[in-house]
N, C-alpha and C. Protein backbone atom coordinates (compact mmCIF):
# COMPACT_ATOMS: atom_id res chain seq x y z
N MET A 1 27.39 24.29 16.92
CA MET A 1 28.17 23.24 16.38
C MET A 1 27.57 22.04 16.28
N ALA A 2 27.66 21.37 15.18
CA ALA A 2 26.98 20.12 14.95
C ALA A 2 27.87 18.88 15.13
N ASP A 3 27.33 17.78 15.53
CA ASP A 3 28.00 16.51 15.73
C ASP A 3 28.40 16.04 14.35
N THR A 4 29.40 15.23 14.23
CA THR A 4 30.02 14.78 12.93
C THR A 4 28.86 14.27 12.00
N GLY A 5 28.80 14.66 10.82
CA GLY A 5 27.80 14.24 9.88
C GLY A 5 26.36 14.80 10.03
N ARG A 6 26.25 15.68 11.09
CA ARG A 6 24.90 16.27 11.42
C ARG A 6 24.77 17.59 10.94
N LYS A 7 23.50 18.09 10.70
CA LYS A 7 23.30 19.54 10.46
C LYS A 7 23.47 20.39 11.53
N ASP A 8 24.08 21.53 11.45
CA ASP A 8 24.26 22.39 12.49
C ASP A 8 22.92 23.31 12.78
N VAL A 9 22.81 23.68 13.94
CA VAL A 9 21.45 24.42 14.17
C VAL A 9 21.26 25.70 13.31
N THR A 10 22.34 26.39 13.10
CA THR A 10 22.31 27.65 12.31
C THR A 10 21.67 27.36 10.95
N SER A 11 22.18 26.22 10.35
CA SER A 11 21.73 25.80 8.97
C SER A 11 20.22 25.45 9.10
N GLN A 12 19.78 24.74 10.20
CA GLN A 12 18.48 24.31 10.27
C GLN A 12 17.54 25.52 10.39
N LEU A 13 17.98 26.48 11.19
CA LEU A 13 17.14 27.72 11.52
C LEU A 13 17.06 28.54 10.18
N LYS A 14 18.16 28.71 9.44
CA LYS A 14 18.07 29.44 8.14
C LYS A 14 17.04 28.68 7.20
N GLU A 15 17.17 27.37 7.10
CA GLU A 15 16.15 26.75 6.27
C GLU A 15 14.70 26.94 6.63
N LYS A 16 14.43 26.96 8.03
CA LYS A 16 13.16 27.12 8.41
C LYS A 16 12.50 28.53 8.24
N VAL A 17 13.50 29.54 8.34
CA VAL A 17 13.04 30.85 8.43
C VAL A 17 12.92 31.30 6.94
N THR A 18 13.65 30.75 5.99
CA THR A 18 13.61 31.26 4.62
C THR A 18 12.21 30.66 3.99
N PRO A 19 11.38 31.51 3.44
CA PRO A 19 10.17 31.00 2.93
C PRO A 19 10.35 30.21 1.57
N ASP A 20 9.62 29.07 1.56
CA ASP A 20 9.65 28.26 0.41
C ASP A 20 9.51 28.84 -0.92
N SER A 21 8.83 29.94 -0.96
CA SER A 21 8.61 30.50 -2.12
C SER A 21 9.86 31.33 -2.73
N SER A 22 10.81 31.55 -1.83
CA SER A 22 12.06 32.19 -2.34
C SER A 22 13.24 31.13 -2.45
N LYS A 23 12.88 29.83 -2.32
CA LYS A 23 13.87 28.79 -2.62
C LYS A 23 13.59 28.19 -3.95
N SER A 24 14.71 27.71 -4.50
CA SER A 24 14.68 27.08 -5.88
C SER A 24 14.25 25.56 -5.49
N THR A 25 13.83 24.82 -6.61
CA THR A 25 13.38 23.47 -6.57
C THR A 25 14.57 22.72 -5.96
N GLY A 26 15.85 22.90 -6.44
CA GLY A 26 17.04 22.32 -6.01
C GLY A 26 17.25 22.47 -4.61
N GLN A 27 17.05 23.79 -3.98
CA GLN A 27 17.25 24.03 -2.69
C GLN A 27 16.27 23.26 -1.81
N LYS A 28 15.01 23.27 -2.12
CA LYS A 28 14.07 22.45 -1.37
C LYS A 28 14.37 21.01 -1.44
N LEU A 29 14.61 20.50 -2.56
CA LEU A 29 15.10 19.04 -2.67
C LEU A 29 16.24 18.78 -1.71
N SER A 30 17.37 19.61 -1.72
CA SER A 30 18.51 19.44 -0.93
C SER A 30 18.17 19.53 0.50
N GLU A 31 17.37 20.43 0.95
CA GLU A 31 16.88 20.50 2.34
C GLU A 31 16.06 19.33 2.80
N ASN A 32 15.24 18.95 1.89
CA ASN A 32 14.49 17.59 2.33
C ASN A 32 15.32 16.38 2.49
N VAL A 33 16.31 16.23 1.55
CA VAL A 33 17.13 15.07 1.60
C VAL A 33 18.08 15.13 2.82
N SER A 34 18.70 16.33 2.98
CA SER A 34 19.65 16.49 4.16
C SER A 34 18.90 16.49 5.37
N GLY A 35 17.63 16.97 5.51
CA GLY A 35 16.87 16.84 6.69
C GLY A 35 16.47 15.48 7.08
N THR A 36 16.09 14.65 6.05
CA THR A 36 15.79 13.28 6.33
C THR A 36 17.01 12.46 6.71
N VAL A 37 18.13 12.80 6.11
CA VAL A 37 19.34 12.01 6.50
C VAL A 37 19.77 12.42 8.00
N ASP A 38 19.64 13.80 8.36
CA ASP A 38 19.99 14.21 9.61
C ASP A 38 19.01 13.64 10.74
N LYS A 39 17.76 13.40 10.33
CA LYS A 39 16.77 12.79 11.27
C LYS A 39 17.23 11.38 11.49
N GLY A 40 17.57 10.71 10.43
CA GLY A 40 17.98 9.24 10.60
C GLY A 40 19.26 9.16 11.41
N LEU A 41 20.18 10.02 11.19
CA LEU A 41 21.48 9.89 12.02
C LEU A 41 21.18 10.29 13.37
N GLY A 42 20.20 11.27 13.63
CA GLY A 42 19.92 11.62 15.03
C GLY A 42 19.30 10.46 15.81
N ALA A 43 18.42 9.61 14.95
CA ALA A 43 17.84 8.57 15.60
C ALA A 43 18.85 7.41 15.96
N LEU A 44 19.78 7.21 15.04
CA LEU A 44 20.72 6.21 15.26
C LEU A 44 21.86 6.45 16.38
N GLN A 45 22.18 7.84 16.49
CA GLN A 45 23.26 8.28 17.32
C GLN A 45 22.74 8.27 18.75
N PRO A 46 23.41 7.47 19.69
CA PRO A 46 23.04 7.39 21.06
C PRO A 46 23.02 8.81 21.74
N GLU A 47 22.00 9.03 22.60
CA GLU A 47 21.92 10.23 23.30
C GLU A 47 23.22 10.70 24.05
N SER A 48 23.85 9.65 24.56
CA SER A 48 25.01 9.81 25.33
C SER A 48 26.36 10.34 24.54
N GLU A 49 26.14 10.16 23.23
CA GLU A 49 27.20 10.68 22.33
C GLU A 49 26.78 12.07 21.66
N LYS A 50 25.70 12.56 21.94
CA LYS A 50 25.26 13.74 21.34
C LYS A 50 25.78 15.06 22.20
N SER A 51 26.07 16.08 21.48
CA SER A 51 26.48 17.33 22.11
C SER A 51 25.18 17.95 22.77
N THR A 52 25.30 18.80 23.62
CA THR A 52 24.03 19.44 24.21
C THR A 52 23.34 20.18 23.19
N THR A 53 24.05 20.90 22.20
CA THR A 53 23.36 21.59 21.24
C THR A 53 22.46 20.56 20.27
N GLN A 54 23.15 19.42 20.09
CA GLN A 54 22.49 18.48 19.07
C GLN A 54 21.41 17.90 19.78
N LYS A 55 21.38 17.52 21.12
CA LYS A 55 20.31 17.13 21.87
C LYS A 55 19.12 18.08 21.81
N LEU A 56 19.45 19.35 22.01
CA LEU A 56 18.34 20.45 21.95
C LEU A 56 17.74 20.42 20.59
N SER A 57 18.58 20.48 19.61
CA SER A 57 18.09 20.46 18.16
C SER A 57 17.13 19.21 17.89
N ASP A 58 17.70 18.10 18.31
CA ASP A 58 16.87 16.95 17.94
C ASP A 58 15.52 16.91 18.75
N SER A 59 15.57 17.36 20.06
CA SER A 59 14.37 17.40 20.72
C SER A 59 13.45 18.39 20.28
N THR A 60 13.93 19.66 19.77
CA THR A 60 13.01 20.51 19.29
C THR A 60 12.39 20.05 17.93
N ARG A 61 13.12 19.44 17.11
CA ARG A 61 12.66 18.90 15.82
C ARG A 61 11.57 17.73 16.16
N SER A 62 11.89 16.97 17.18
CA SER A 62 10.99 15.90 17.47
C SER A 62 9.68 16.42 17.92
N GLY A 63 9.66 17.49 18.71
CA GLY A 63 8.44 18.13 19.13
C GLY A 63 7.69 18.68 18.12
N ALA A 64 8.33 19.44 17.17
CA ALA A 64 7.77 20.01 15.99
C ALA A 64 7.05 18.97 15.11
N ASP A 65 7.90 17.91 14.91
CA ASP A 65 7.21 16.79 13.97
C ASP A 65 6.10 16.16 14.67
N LYS A 66 6.04 15.97 15.99
CA LYS A 66 4.88 15.41 16.72
C LYS A 66 3.80 16.28 16.65
N SER A 67 3.95 17.67 16.83
CA SER A 67 2.90 18.54 16.58
C SER A 67 2.28 18.63 15.30
N GLN A 68 3.18 18.51 14.26
CA GLN A 68 2.69 18.47 12.87
C GLN A 68 1.81 17.27 12.59
N ASN A 69 2.43 16.11 13.12
CA ASN A 69 1.57 14.82 12.90
C ASN A 69 0.25 14.92 13.64
N GLU A 70 0.22 15.51 14.85
CA GLU A 70 -0.99 15.51 15.69
C GLU A 70 -1.86 16.50 14.92
N GLY A 71 -1.37 17.64 14.32
CA GLY A 71 -2.19 18.49 13.55
C GLY A 71 -2.84 17.82 12.51
N LYS A 72 -2.14 17.00 11.71
CA LYS A 72 -2.68 16.29 10.61
C LYS A 72 -3.77 15.34 11.07
N GLY A 73 -3.55 14.69 12.25
CA GLY A 73 -4.44 13.76 12.84
C GLY A 73 -5.74 14.53 13.25
N VAL A 74 -5.62 15.62 13.72
CA VAL A 74 -6.84 16.36 14.15
C VAL A 74 -7.64 16.85 12.86
N LEU A 75 -6.77 17.28 11.76
CA LEU A 75 -7.53 17.70 10.56
C LEU A 75 -8.20 16.58 10.00
N ALA A 76 -7.49 15.38 10.00
CA ALA A 76 -8.17 14.23 9.31
C ALA A 76 -9.44 13.82 10.10
N SER A 77 -9.53 13.93 11.41
CA SER A 77 -10.51 13.75 12.26
C SER A 77 -11.83 14.55 11.95
N VAL A 78 -11.51 15.83 11.77
CA VAL A 78 -12.37 16.86 11.48
C VAL A 78 -13.03 16.52 10.13
N GLN A 79 -12.21 16.30 9.14
CA GLN A 79 -12.75 16.03 7.85
C GLN A 79 -13.57 14.78 7.71
N ASP A 80 -13.27 13.78 8.57
CA ASP A 80 -14.03 12.52 8.61
C ASP A 80 -15.33 12.84 9.33
N SER A 81 -15.31 13.68 10.33
CA SER A 81 -16.56 14.07 11.10
C SER A 81 -17.45 14.76 10.12
N ALA A 82 -16.90 15.86 9.40
CA ALA A 82 -17.60 16.60 8.43
C ALA A 82 -18.23 15.69 7.31
N ALA A 83 -17.56 14.74 6.87
CA ALA A 83 -17.95 13.89 5.81
C ALA A 83 -19.26 12.93 6.31
N GLY A 84 -19.04 12.58 7.60
CA GLY A 84 -20.00 11.68 8.22
C GLY A 84 -21.38 12.53 8.42
N LEU A 85 -21.14 13.72 8.84
CA LEU A 85 -22.33 14.70 9.03
C LEU A 85 -22.93 14.93 7.65
N ALA A 86 -22.22 15.22 6.64
CA ALA A 86 -22.83 15.42 5.30
C ALA A 86 -23.55 14.19 4.84
N LYS A 87 -23.05 12.99 4.99
CA LYS A 87 -23.66 11.79 4.57
C LYS A 87 -25.00 11.56 5.35
N SER A 88 -24.92 11.77 6.73
CA SER A 88 -26.10 11.66 7.50
C SER A 88 -27.12 12.64 7.07
N ALA A 89 -26.80 13.91 6.83
CA ALA A 89 -27.80 14.90 6.41
C ALA A 89 -28.42 14.43 5.10
N GLY A 90 -27.51 14.03 4.01
CA GLY A 90 -28.06 13.53 2.88
C GLY A 90 -29.07 12.30 2.99
N ASP A 91 -28.66 11.30 3.84
CA ASP A 91 -29.60 10.23 4.15
C ASP A 91 -30.85 10.75 4.71
N THR A 92 -30.84 11.62 5.59
CA THR A 92 -32.04 12.18 6.28
C THR A 92 -32.94 12.86 5.17
N ILE A 93 -32.39 13.66 4.27
CA ILE A 93 -33.11 14.34 3.27
C ILE A 93 -33.67 13.31 2.42
N ASN A 94 -32.98 12.27 1.99
CA ASN A 94 -33.46 11.22 1.17
C ASN A 94 -34.67 10.51 1.77
N GLN A 95 -34.51 10.23 3.07
CA GLN A 95 -35.60 9.58 3.70
C GLN A 95 -36.92 10.51 3.77
N ALA A 96 -36.65 11.75 3.98
CA ALA A 96 -37.75 12.75 4.06
C ALA A 96 -38.37 12.84 2.64
N ALA A 97 -37.58 12.82 1.67
CA ALA A 97 -38.16 12.88 0.20
C ALA A 97 -38.96 11.56 -0.02
N ASP A 98 -38.53 10.45 0.37
CA ASP A 98 -39.18 9.15 0.22
C ASP A 98 -40.42 9.25 0.89
N TYR A 99 -40.46 9.76 2.17
CA TYR A 99 -41.62 9.81 2.95
C TYR A 99 -42.74 10.57 2.30
N VAL A 100 -42.22 11.92 1.85
CA VAL A 100 -43.20 12.70 1.12
C VAL A 100 -43.76 12.05 -0.05
N LYS A 101 -42.88 11.36 -0.92
CA LYS A 101 -43.35 10.69 -2.12
C LYS A 101 -44.36 9.68 -1.76
N GLY A 102 -44.08 8.93 -0.66
CA GLY A 102 -44.93 7.76 -0.26
C GLY A 102 -46.31 8.40 0.28
N SER A 103 -46.21 9.53 0.99
CA SER A 103 -47.42 10.09 1.51
C SER A 103 -48.35 10.50 0.43
N THR A 104 -47.78 11.09 -0.65
CA THR A 104 -48.71 11.62 -1.76
C THR A 104 -49.19 10.50 -2.53
N THR A 105 -48.52 9.42 -2.70
CA THR A 105 -49.00 8.35 -3.50
C THR A 105 -50.07 7.42 -2.74
N THR A 106 -49.89 7.34 -1.48
CA THR A 106 -50.98 6.52 -0.64
C THR A 106 -52.14 7.37 -0.29
N THR A 107 -52.08 8.65 -0.33
CA THR A 107 -53.29 9.42 0.15
C THR A 107 -54.18 9.76 -1.02
N ASN A 108 -53.80 9.52 -2.30
CA ASN A 108 -54.73 9.82 -3.42
C ASN A 108 -55.87 8.93 -3.42
N PRO A 109 -57.13 9.50 -3.20
CA PRO A 109 -58.29 8.55 -3.17
C PRO A 109 -58.64 8.11 -4.72
N LYS A 110 -59.14 7.01 -4.74
CA LYS A 110 -59.62 6.47 -6.16
C LYS A 110 -61.07 6.38 -6.28
């Protein structure tokens, strides 16, 4: 059972278990809007006024959101590191090429 104006846990579970590929665009949009509204209401509703079920649901969602955000943070960090390594490798190759070009032009006797 959900608190007034909040999504019940059963609806949330059904939405999560149903693959997006089997949902219409309207369903996806509706779920996104209702999920955003529910998160907002959950943030505004004092913990002392939440049912045990709603507290558990909010806590679970909060943990999932945090994990998702941390996952994005880790991915961005890995991408930044890979980009930095690629740039460094490119710089090193360019320096080596410049060195070789410089060596061949300065070592030609006249």
